[in-house]
Amino acid sequence: MKNQIAVFGGGCFWCTEAVFAQLKGVVSVMPGYAGGSTPNPTYESVCGGKTGHAEVIKIEFDPEIISYEDLLTVFFAVHDPTTLNRQGNDVGTQYRSIILYTDEQQKIQAENVVSELSKEGDRVVTEIKPLEKFHPAEDYHKDYYAKNPDQAYCRLVINPKLKKLKEKFQDILKK
């Protein structure tokens, strides 16, 4: 079976990239922009909130090692899918919770998980829509956490997410 692609936005892509890079079966994680209509978005234009794009990650994964459903489980565990256009101090449509599916099966799985989570408590506001175009982020965003672990944002925002990941998902982490 060939590798598959998943595209998620759950706030700042530095955070989500750092989380998903830790998982077994994840071949690569690329930060970028998707979900909007501006043809060639840049970090500055997306941060301005006028492009319609969200900060997202494109995950290439081996479905024989990790399932799309496992990726969804991690995604919903490491961000707050109940806050509209916000993750912590990151506010704006570019930080919205979004799943951009690549096929009908991903759409169904995402809708099922959102439905189950909504039954358990707060209303999930995660947007689910087809991936039309993924725009890779500028090079300095790639592997941001790995290159800048002592930066204040990494210590204060990303480290707690990684701690939570290690506590809840030990069995699917890379060694």
N, C-alpha and C. Protein backbone atom coordinates (compact mmCIF):
# COMPACT_ATOMS: atom_id res chain seq x y z
N MET A 1 0.85 -1.18 0.00
CA MET A 1 0.00 0.00 0.00
C MET A 1 0.89 1.25 0.00
N LYS A 2 0.57 2.21 -0.84
CA LYS A 2 1.40 3.42 -0.92
C LYS A 2 1.08 4.40 0.19
N ASN A 3 2.01 5.30 0.42
CA ASN A 3 1.81 6.33 1.44
C ASN A 3 0.61 7.19 1.08
N GLN A 4 -0.01 7.76 2.12
CA GLN A 4 -1.16 8.63 1.95
C GLN A 4 -0.86 10.01 2.53
N ILE A 5 -1.76 10.94 2.26
CA ILE A 5 -1.61 12.32 2.72
C ILE A 5 -2.79 12.68 3.62
N ALA A 6 -2.49 13.37 4.72
CA ALA A 6 -3.50 13.96 5.59
C ALA A 6 -3.14 15.43 5.74
N VAL A 7 -4.14 16.31 5.77
CA VAL A 7 -3.88 17.74 5.94
C VAL A 7 -4.78 18.26 7.07
N PHE A 8 -4.11 18.80 8.11
CA PHE A 8 -4.81 19.29 9.30
C PHE A 8 -4.32 20.69 9.64
N GLY A 9 -5.23 21.49 10.17
CA GLY A 9 -4.89 22.77 10.76
C GLY A 9 -5.45 22.83 12.16
N GLY A 10 -4.58 23.05 13.12
CA GLY A 10 -5.01 23.11 14.52
C GLY A 10 -4.25 24.19 15.26
N GLY A 11 -4.27 25.40 14.70
CA GLY A 11 -3.50 26.49 15.29
C GLY A 11 -2.18 26.66 14.55
N CYS A 12 -1.19 27.11 15.24
CA CYS A 12 0.12 27.37 14.66
C CYS A 12 0.73 26.10 14.09
N PHE A 13 1.22 26.17 12.86
CA PHE A 13 1.78 24.96 12.24
C PHE A 13 3.10 24.53 12.86
N TRP A 14 3.77 25.40 13.59
CA TRP A 14 4.98 24.97 14.30
C TRP A 14 4.62 23.90 15.33
N CYS A 15 3.46 24.09 15.99
CA CYS A 15 3.01 23.14 17.01
C CYS A 15 2.62 21.80 16.40
N THR A 16 1.77 21.87 15.39
CA THR A 16 1.27 20.62 14.82
C THR A 16 2.37 19.85 14.11
N GLU A 17 3.29 20.55 13.46
CA GLU A 17 4.41 19.87 12.82
C GLU A 17 5.24 19.12 13.87
N ALA A 18 5.54 19.77 14.97
CA ALA A 18 6.36 19.15 16.02
C ALA A 18 5.68 17.90 16.57
N VAL A 19 4.37 17.93 16.74
CA VAL A 19 3.61 16.79 17.27
C VAL A 19 3.64 15.62 16.30
N PHE A 20 3.21 15.86 15.07
CA PHE A 20 3.06 14.74 14.12
C PHE A 20 4.38 14.16 13.67
N ALA A 21 5.45 14.92 13.74
CA ALA A 21 6.78 14.40 13.39
C ALA A 21 7.23 13.30 14.36
N GLN A 22 6.59 13.23 15.54
CA GLN A 22 6.96 12.25 16.57
C GLN A 22 6.33 10.87 16.36
N LEU A 23 5.38 10.75 15.43
CA LEU A 23 4.59 9.53 15.31
C LEU A 23 5.18 8.49 14.37
N LYS A 24 5.14 7.24 14.80
CA LYS A 24 5.52 6.11 13.94
C LYS A 24 4.65 6.13 12.69
N GLY A 25 5.25 5.84 11.57
CA GLY A 25 4.50 5.78 10.32
C GLY A 25 4.36 7.10 9.61
N VAL A 26 4.73 8.19 10.29
CA VAL A 26 4.73 9.50 9.63
C VAL A 26 6.07 9.65 8.90
N VAL A 27 5.97 9.78 7.58
CA VAL A 27 7.15 9.87 6.72
C VAL A 27 7.67 11.30 6.67
N SER A 28 6.74 12.27 6.57
CA SER A 28 7.14 13.67 6.53
C SER A 28 5.98 14.55 6.98
N VAL A 29 6.34 15.74 7.46
CA VAL A 29 5.35 16.73 7.85
C VAL A 29 5.81 18.06 7.25
N MET A 30 4.94 18.66 6.46
CA MET A 30 5.27 19.92 5.78
C MET A 30 4.30 21.01 6.21
N PRO A 31 4.81 22.12 6.80
CA PRO A 31 3.93 23.23 7.13
C PRO A 31 3.53 23.98 5.86
N GLY A 32 2.33 24.54 5.87
CA GLY A 32 1.89 25.31 4.71
C GLY A 32 0.56 25.99 4.96
N TYR A 33 -0.07 26.34 3.86
CA TYR A 33 -1.33 27.08 3.90
C TYR A 33 -2.33 26.40 2.99
N ALA A 34 -3.59 26.36 3.42
CA ALA A 34 -4.65 25.76 2.59
C ALA A 34 -5.99 26.25 3.10
N GLY A 35 -7.01 26.00 2.30
CA GLY A 35 -8.37 26.32 2.70
C GLY A 35 -8.85 27.70 2.31
N GLY A 36 -8.00 28.46 1.63
CA GLY A 36 -8.39 29.82 1.24
C GLY A 36 -8.43 29.98 -0.27
N SER A 37 -8.51 31.22 -0.70
CA SER A 37 -8.65 31.46 -2.13
C SER A 37 -7.52 32.27 -2.74
N THR A 38 -6.65 32.86 -1.94
CA THR A 38 -5.53 33.63 -2.48
C THR A 38 -4.56 32.69 -3.18
N PRO A 39 -4.18 33.00 -4.43
CA PRO A 39 -3.38 32.06 -5.21
C PRO A 39 -1.98 31.75 -4.68
N ASN A 40 -1.25 32.71 -4.16
CA ASN A 40 0.12 32.48 -3.70
C ASN A 40 0.31 33.07 -2.31
N PRO A 41 -0.27 32.42 -1.29
CA PRO A 41 -0.20 33.00 0.06
C PRO A 41 1.22 32.96 0.62
N THR A 42 1.51 33.96 1.43
CA THR A 42 2.77 34.03 2.16
C THR A 42 2.43 34.05 3.65
N TYR A 43 3.42 33.84 4.48
CA TYR A 43 3.20 33.88 5.92
C TYR A 43 2.59 35.23 6.32
N GLU A 44 3.14 36.30 5.80
CA GLU A 44 2.66 37.64 6.15
C GLU A 44 1.20 37.82 5.73
N SER A 45 0.86 37.38 4.51
CA SER A 45 -0.52 37.58 4.05
C SER A 45 -1.49 36.69 4.82
N VAL A 46 -1.10 35.46 5.13
CA VAL A 46 -1.98 34.57 5.89
C VAL A 46 -2.16 35.10 7.31
N CYS A 47 -1.08 35.57 7.93
CA CYS A 47 -1.18 36.13 9.29
C CYS A 47 -2.07 37.36 9.33
N GLY A 48 -2.20 38.05 8.21
CA GLY A 48 -3.07 39.21 8.14
C GLY A 48 -4.54 38.83 8.16
N GLY A 49 -4.83 37.54 7.97
CA GLY A 49 -6.20 37.05 8.08
C GLY A 49 -7.10 37.35 6.90
N LYS A 50 -6.54 37.79 5.78
CA LYS A 50 -7.38 38.20 4.65
C LYS A 50 -7.37 37.19 3.49
N THR A 51 -6.60 36.12 3.59
CA THR A 51 -6.47 35.19 2.46
C THR A 51 -7.48 34.05 2.49
N GLY A 52 -8.07 33.81 3.66
CA GLY A 52 -8.95 32.66 3.83
C GLY A 52 -8.20 31.38 4.15
N HIS A 53 -6.88 31.41 4.03
CA HIS A 53 -6.08 30.22 4.30
C HIS A 53 -5.88 30.01 5.81
N ALA A 54 -5.68 28.76 6.17
CA ALA A 54 -5.29 28.40 7.53
C ALA A 54 -3.85 27.90 7.51
N GLU A 55 -3.17 28.06 8.63
CA GLU A 55 -1.87 27.40 8.79
C GLU A 55 -2.18 25.91 8.97
N VAL A 56 -1.61 25.08 8.11
CA VAL A 56 -1.87 23.64 8.13
C VAL A 56 -0.56 22.87 8.01
N ILE A 57 -0.68 21.57 8.20
CA ILE A 57 0.44 20.68 7.92
C ILE A 57 -0.04 19.60 6.96
N LYS A 58 0.84 19.23 6.05
CA LYS A 58 0.59 18.11 5.15
C LYS A 58 1.43 16.95 5.65
N ILE A 59 0.74 15.89 6.06
CA ILE A 59 1.40 14.73 6.65
C ILE A 59 1.42 13.61 5.61
N GLU A 60 2.60 13.13 5.29
CA GLU A 60 2.72 11.92 4.47
C GLU A 60 2.90 10.77 5.46
N PHE A 61 2.02 9.76 5.35
CA PHE A 61 2.09 8.66 6.31
C PHE A 61 1.91 7.31 5.63
N ASP A 62 2.42 6.30 6.30
CA ASP A 62 2.30 4.92 5.84
C ASP A 62 1.10 4.30 6.55
N PRO A 63 -0.01 4.04 5.83
CA PRO A 63 -1.21 3.53 6.47
C PRO A 63 -1.07 2.10 7.01
N GLU A 64 0.01 1.44 6.66
CA GLU A 64 0.26 0.11 7.22
C GLU A 64 0.87 0.21 8.62
N ILE A 65 1.37 1.41 8.97
CA ILE A 65 1.97 1.62 10.29
C ILE A 65 1.08 2.46 11.18
N ILE A 66 0.49 3.50 10.63
CA ILE A 66 -0.42 4.36 11.39
C ILE A 66 -1.64 4.66 10.52
N SER A 67 -2.80 4.58 11.14
CA SER A 67 -4.04 4.79 10.38
C SER A 67 -4.42 6.27 10.37
N TYR A 68 -5.25 6.63 9.41
CA TYR A 68 -5.79 7.99 9.36
C TYR A 68 -6.59 8.27 10.63
N GLU A 69 -7.31 7.26 11.11
CA GLU A 69 -8.08 7.44 12.34
C GLU A 69 -7.18 7.73 13.53
N ASP A 70 -6.02 7.08 13.60
CA ASP A 70 -5.05 7.39 14.67
C ASP A 70 -4.57 8.84 14.55
N LEU A 71 -4.32 9.28 13.33
CA LEU A 71 -3.90 10.66 13.12
C LEU A 71 -4.99 11.63 13.59
N LEU A 72 -6.24 11.31 13.27
CA LEU A 72 -7.36 12.14 13.73
C LEU A 72 -7.42 12.18 15.26
N THR A 73 -7.22 11.04 15.90
CA THR A 73 -7.26 10.96 17.36
C THR A 73 -6.21 11.87 17.98
N VAL A 74 -5.00 11.81 17.44
CA VAL A 74 -3.93 12.68 17.94
C VAL A 74 -4.27 14.14 17.67
N PHE A 75 -4.74 14.44 16.47
CA PHE A 75 -5.10 15.81 16.09
C PHE A 75 -6.07 16.41 17.11
N PHE A 76 -7.12 15.68 17.44
CA PHE A 76 -8.12 16.22 18.36
C PHE A 76 -7.63 16.26 19.81
N ALA A 77 -6.62 15.47 20.13
CA ALA A 77 -6.10 15.47 21.50
C ALA A 77 -5.13 16.62 21.76
N VAL A 78 -4.50 17.14 20.72
CA VAL A 78 -3.44 18.14 20.95
C VAL A 78 -3.85 19.57 20.59
N HIS A 79 -5.12 19.78 20.27
CA HIS A 79 -5.61 21.15 20.08
C HIS A 79 -7.05 21.21 20.58
N ASP A 80 -7.57 22.43 20.68
CA ASP A 80 -8.94 22.60 21.15
C ASP A 80 -9.87 22.81 19.96
N PRO A 81 -10.63 21.78 19.58
CA PRO A 81 -11.49 21.89 18.41
C PRO A 81 -12.82 22.59 18.69
N THR A 82 -12.96 23.16 19.88
CA THR A 82 -14.22 23.81 20.25
C THR A 82 -14.12 25.33 20.24
N THR A 83 -12.94 25.87 19.98
CA THR A 83 -12.78 27.32 19.93
C THR A 83 -12.71 27.77 18.48
N LEU A 84 -13.57 28.66 18.10
CA LEU A 84 -13.64 29.13 16.72
C LEU A 84 -12.51 30.13 16.45
N ASN A 85 -11.70 29.82 15.45
CA ASN A 85 -10.64 30.73 14.99
C ASN A 85 -9.67 31.12 16.10
N ARG A 86 -9.33 30.14 16.94
CA ARG A 86 -8.43 30.44 18.05
C ARG A 86 -7.81 29.16 18.58
N GLN A 87 -6.52 29.26 18.91
CA GLN A 87 -5.82 28.24 19.68
C GLN A 87 -4.93 28.99 20.66
N GLY A 88 -5.31 28.98 21.91
CA GLY A 88 -4.55 29.72 22.92
C GLY A 88 -4.51 31.20 22.58
N ASN A 89 -3.28 31.76 22.53
CA ASN A 89 -3.12 33.17 22.21
C ASN A 89 -3.12 33.46 20.71
N ASP A 90 -3.14 32.41 19.89
CA ASP A 90 -3.18 32.57 18.44
C ASP A 90 -4.64 32.75 18.02
N VAL A 91 -4.98 33.95 17.54
CA VAL A 91 -6.36 34.28 17.21
C VAL A 91 -6.46 34.71 15.75
N GLY A 92 -7.48 34.21 15.06
CA GLY A 92 -7.74 34.58 13.67
C GLY A 92 -8.13 33.35 12.87
N THR A 93 -8.73 33.58 11.72
CA THR A 93 -9.18 32.46 10.89
C THR A 93 -8.03 31.58 10.45
N GLN A 94 -6.83 32.13 10.39
CA GLN A 94 -5.66 31.34 9.98
C GLN A 94 -5.30 30.27 11.01
N TYR A 95 -5.85 30.37 12.22
CA TYR A 95 -5.58 29.39 13.28
C TYR A 95 -6.78 28.48 13.54
N ARG A 96 -7.74 28.47 12.64
CA ARG A 96 -8.95 27.67 12.84
C ARG A 96 -8.63 26.18 12.81
N SER A 97 -9.51 25.42 13.40
CA SER A 97 -9.43 23.96 13.37
C SER A 97 -10.03 23.51 12.05
N ILE A 98 -9.22 22.80 11.25
CA ILE A 98 -9.68 22.41 9.92
C ILE A 98 -9.05 21.07 9.50
N ILE A 99 -9.86 20.26 8.86
CA ILE A 99 -9.40 19.01 8.24
C ILE A 99 -9.70 19.14 6.76
N LEU A 100 -8.67 18.98 5.95
CA LEU A 100 -8.81 19.03 4.50
C LEU A 100 -8.60 17.62 3.98
N TYR A 101 -9.69 16.98 3.59
CA TYR A 101 -9.62 15.57 3.20
C TYR A 101 -9.20 15.42 1.74
N THR A 102 -8.57 14.26 1.48
CA THR A 102 -8.08 13.99 0.12
C THR A 102 -8.93 12.97 -0.61
N ASP A 103 -9.84 12.31 0.11
CA ASP A 103 -10.76 11.36 -0.54
C ASP A 103 -12.01 11.19 0.32
N GLU A 104 -12.98 10.49 -0.21
CA GLU A 104 -14.27 10.33 0.46
C GLU A 104 -14.13 9.57 1.79
N GLN A 105 -13.22 8.61 1.84
CA GLN A 105 -13.03 7.84 3.07
C GLN A 105 -12.53 8.73 4.20
N GLN A 106 -11.58 9.62 3.89
CA GLN A 106 -11.10 10.56 4.92
C GLN A 106 -12.24 11.48 5.38
N LYS A 107 -13.05 11.93 4.45
CA LYS A 107 -14.19 12.79 4.80
C LYS A 107 -15.12 12.08 5.78
N ILE A 108 -15.46 10.84 5.47
CA ILE A 108 -16.37 10.06 6.32
C ILE A 108 -15.75 9.85 7.70
N GLN A 109 -14.48 9.48 7.75
CA GLN A 109 -13.82 9.25 9.04
C GLN A 109 -13.78 10.53 9.86
N ALA A 110 -13.45 11.65 9.23
CA ALA A 110 -13.39 12.93 9.95
C ALA A 110 -14.78 13.31 10.49
N GLU A 111 -15.80 13.16 9.66
CA GLU A 111 -17.16 13.49 10.10
C GLU A 111 -17.60 12.59 11.25
N ASN A 112 -17.24 11.32 11.20
CA ASN A 112 -17.60 10.40 12.28
C ASN A 112 -16.93 10.78 13.60
N VAL A 113 -15.64 11.13 13.55
CA VAL A 113 -14.92 11.51 14.76
C VAL A 113 -15.51 12.80 15.33
N VAL A 114 -15.78 13.77 14.48
CA VAL A 114 -16.36 15.02 14.96
C VAL A 114 -17.73 14.77 15.59
N SER A 115 -18.52 13.92 14.97
CA SER A 115 -19.84 13.59 15.51
C SER A 115 -19.72 12.95 16.89
N GLU A 116 -18.80 12.02 17.04
CA GLU A 116 -18.60 11.35 18.34
C GLU A 116 -18.12 12.35 19.40
N LEU A 117 -17.17 13.20 19.04
CA LEU A 117 -16.66 14.18 20.00
C LEU A 117 -17.75 15.17 20.41
N SER A 118 -18.60 15.55 19.48
CA SER A 118 -19.67 16.49 19.78
C SER A 118 -20.68 15.89 20.74
N LYS A 119 -20.87 14.57 20.68
CA LYS A 119 -21.79 13.90 21.61
C LYS A 119 -21.24 13.91 23.03
N GLU A 120 -19.90 13.93 23.15
CA GLU A 120 -19.25 13.83 24.46
C GLU A 120 -19.24 15.13 25.25
N GLY A 121 -19.46 16.27 24.57
CA GLY A 121 -19.38 17.52 25.32
C GLY A 121 -19.58 18.73 24.44
N ASP A 122 -18.64 19.65 24.53
CA ASP A 122 -18.73 20.90 23.78
C ASP A 122 -18.84 20.66 22.28
N ARG A 123 -19.46 21.57 21.61
CA ARG A 123 -19.63 21.47 20.16
C ARG A 123 -18.30 21.69 19.45
N VAL A 124 -17.94 20.74 18.62
CA VAL A 124 -16.70 20.82 17.83
C VAL A 124 -16.95 21.73 16.64
N VAL A 125 -16.06 22.70 16.43
CA VAL A 125 -16.22 23.67 15.34
C VAL A 125 -15.25 23.40 14.19
N THR A 126 -14.60 22.25 14.20
CA THR A 126 -13.63 21.91 13.17
C THR A 126 -14.30 21.90 11.80
N GLU A 127 -13.70 22.64 10.89
CA GLU A 127 -14.18 22.70 9.51
C GLU A 127 -13.66 21.46 8.77
N ILE A 128 -14.53 20.84 7.97
CA ILE A 128 -14.13 19.67 7.17
C ILE A 128 -14.45 20.00 5.73
N LYS A 129 -13.42 20.04 4.90
CA LYS A 129 -13.64 20.37 3.49
C LYS A 129 -12.58 19.70 2.62
N PRO A 130 -12.83 19.59 1.33
CA PRO A 130 -11.85 18.94 0.46
C PRO A 130 -10.58 19.78 0.31
N LEU A 131 -9.46 19.11 0.19
CA LEU A 131 -8.20 19.80 -0.07
C LEU A 131 -8.19 20.19 -1.54
N GLU A 132 -8.14 21.48 -1.80
CA GLU A 132 -8.07 21.94 -3.19
C GLU A 132 -6.62 22.21 -3.58
N LYS A 133 -5.90 22.91 -2.73
CA LYS A 133 -4.50 23.22 -3.02
C LYS A 133 -3.76 23.41 -1.71
N PHE A 134 -2.58 22.82 -1.64
CA PHE A 134 -1.69 23.00 -0.50
C PHE A 134 -0.53 23.87 -0.96
N HIS A 135 -0.25 24.92 -0.20
CA HIS A 135 0.86 25.82 -0.50
C HIS A 135 1.93 25.64 0.57
N PRO A 136 3.10 25.10 0.23
CA PRO A 136 4.15 24.94 1.25
C PRO A 136 4.54 26.28 1.86
N ALA A 137 4.82 26.25 3.15
CA ALA A 137 5.28 27.46 3.84
C ALA A 137 6.73 27.75 3.45
N GLU A 138 7.15 28.94 3.78
CA GLU A 138 8.52 29.35 3.53
C GLU A 138 9.48 28.42 4.28
N ASP A 139 10.68 28.26 3.75
CA ASP A 139 11.65 27.31 4.30
C ASP A 139 11.93 27.50 5.79
N TYR A 140 11.95 28.74 6.27
CA TYR A 140 12.31 28.95 7.67
C TYR A 140 11.26 28.40 8.65
N HIS A 141 10.08 28.02 8.15
CA HIS A 141 9.07 27.41 9.01
C HIS A 141 9.25 25.90 9.15
N LYS A 142 9.96 25.29 8.23
CA LYS A 142 10.12 23.83 8.22
C LYS A 142 11.02 23.39 9.38
N ASP A 143 10.55 22.38 10.11
CA ASP A 143 11.30 21.87 11.26
C ASP A 143 11.58 22.97 12.29
N TYR A 144 10.65 23.89 12.44
CA TYR A 144 10.87 25.05 13.30
C TYR A 144 11.21 24.64 14.73
N TYR A 145 10.42 23.75 15.28
CA TYR A 145 10.66 23.34 16.67
C TYR A 145 12.01 22.63 16.81
N ALA A 146 12.31 21.74 15.88
CA ALA A 146 13.58 21.00 15.94
C ALA A 146 14.77 21.95 15.87
N LYS A 147 14.63 23.04 15.14
CA LYS A 147 15.72 24.00 14.98
C LYS A 147 15.75 25.06 16.08
N ASN A 148 14.63 25.24 16.79
CA ASN A 148 14.51 26.33 17.78
C ASN A 148 13.88 25.88 19.10
N PRO A 149 14.32 24.76 19.67
CA PRO A 149 13.63 24.25 20.86
C PRO A 149 13.71 25.16 22.09
N ASP A 150 14.68 26.07 22.12
CA ASP A 150 14.83 26.95 23.27
C ASP A 150 14.13 28.29 23.09
N GLN A 151 13.54 28.52 21.93
CA GLN A 151 12.79 29.75 21.69
C GLN A 151 11.60 29.77 22.64
N ALA A 152 11.22 30.94 23.13
CA ALA A 152 10.17 31.05 24.15
C ALA A 152 8.85 30.40 23.71
N TYR A 153 8.41 30.65 22.48
CA TYR A 153 7.15 30.07 22.00
C TYR A 153 7.23 28.54 22.04
N CYS A 154 8.35 27.99 21.64
CA CYS A 154 8.52 26.53 21.65
C CYS A 154 8.43 25.98 23.07
N ARG A 155 9.11 26.63 24.01
CA ARG A 155 9.11 26.16 25.40
C ARG A 155 7.72 26.29 26.03
N LEU A 156 7.05 27.40 25.78
CA LEU A 156 5.78 27.68 26.45
C LEU A 156 4.56 27.04 25.80
N VAL A 157 4.58 26.88 24.49
CA VAL A 157 3.39 26.40 23.78
C VAL A 157 3.57 24.98 23.23
N ILE A 158 4.71 24.72 22.61
CA ILE A 158 4.90 23.42 21.96
C ILE A 158 5.29 22.34 22.97
N ASN A 159 6.18 22.65 23.90
CA ASN A 159 6.60 21.63 24.87
C ASN A 159 5.43 21.00 25.63
N PRO A 160 4.44 21.78 26.10
CA PRO A 160 3.30 21.13 26.78
C PRO A 160 2.51 20.19 25.84
N LYS A 161 2.41 20.53 24.57
CA LYS A 161 1.72 19.65 23.62
C LYS A 161 2.51 18.34 23.45
N LEU A 162 3.82 18.45 23.38
CA LEU A 162 4.65 17.24 23.24
C LEU A 162 4.59 16.39 24.50
N LYS A 163 4.52 17.03 25.66
CA LYS A 163 4.39 16.29 26.92
C LYS A 163 3.08 15.51 26.93
N LYS A 164 2.00 16.17 26.53
CA LYS A 164 0.68 15.52 26.47
C LYS A 164 0.72 14.35 25.48
N LEU A 165 1.35 14.56 24.34
CA LEU A 165 1.48 13.52 23.32
C LEU A 165 2.19 12.29 23.92
N LYS A 166 3.29 12.52 24.61
CA LYS A 166 4.06 11.41 25.18
C LYS A 166 3.30 10.69 26.27
N GLU A 167 2.47 11.40 27.02
CA GLU A 167 1.67 10.77 28.08
C GLU A 167 0.53 9.93 27.52
N LYS A 168 -0.12 10.43 26.46
CA LYS A 168 -1.33 9.77 25.95
C LYS A 168 -1.08 8.76 24.82
N PHE A 169 0.03 8.91 24.09
CA PHE A 169 0.21 8.13 22.87
C PHE A 169 1.57 7.43 22.79
N GLN A 170 2.06 6.98 23.93
CA GLN A 170 3.36 6.33 23.99
C GLN A 170 3.51 5.19 22.96
N ASP A 171 2.44 4.44 22.75
CA ASP A 171 2.50 3.27 21.87
C ASP A 171 2.65 3.58 20.39
N ILE A 172 2.40 4.83 19.98
CA ILE A 172 2.55 5.15 18.55
C ILE A 172 3.66 6.17 18.29
N LEU A 173 4.51 6.41 19.27
CA LEU A 173 5.61 7.34 19.10
C LEU A 173 6.83 6.66 18.51
N LYS A 174 7.59 7.42 17.72
CA LYS A 174 8.87 6.91 17.22
C LYS A 174 9.79 6.74 18.41
N LYS A 175 10.68 5.79 18.33
CA LYS A 175 11.61 5.55 19.43
C LYS A 175 12.76 6.52 19.39
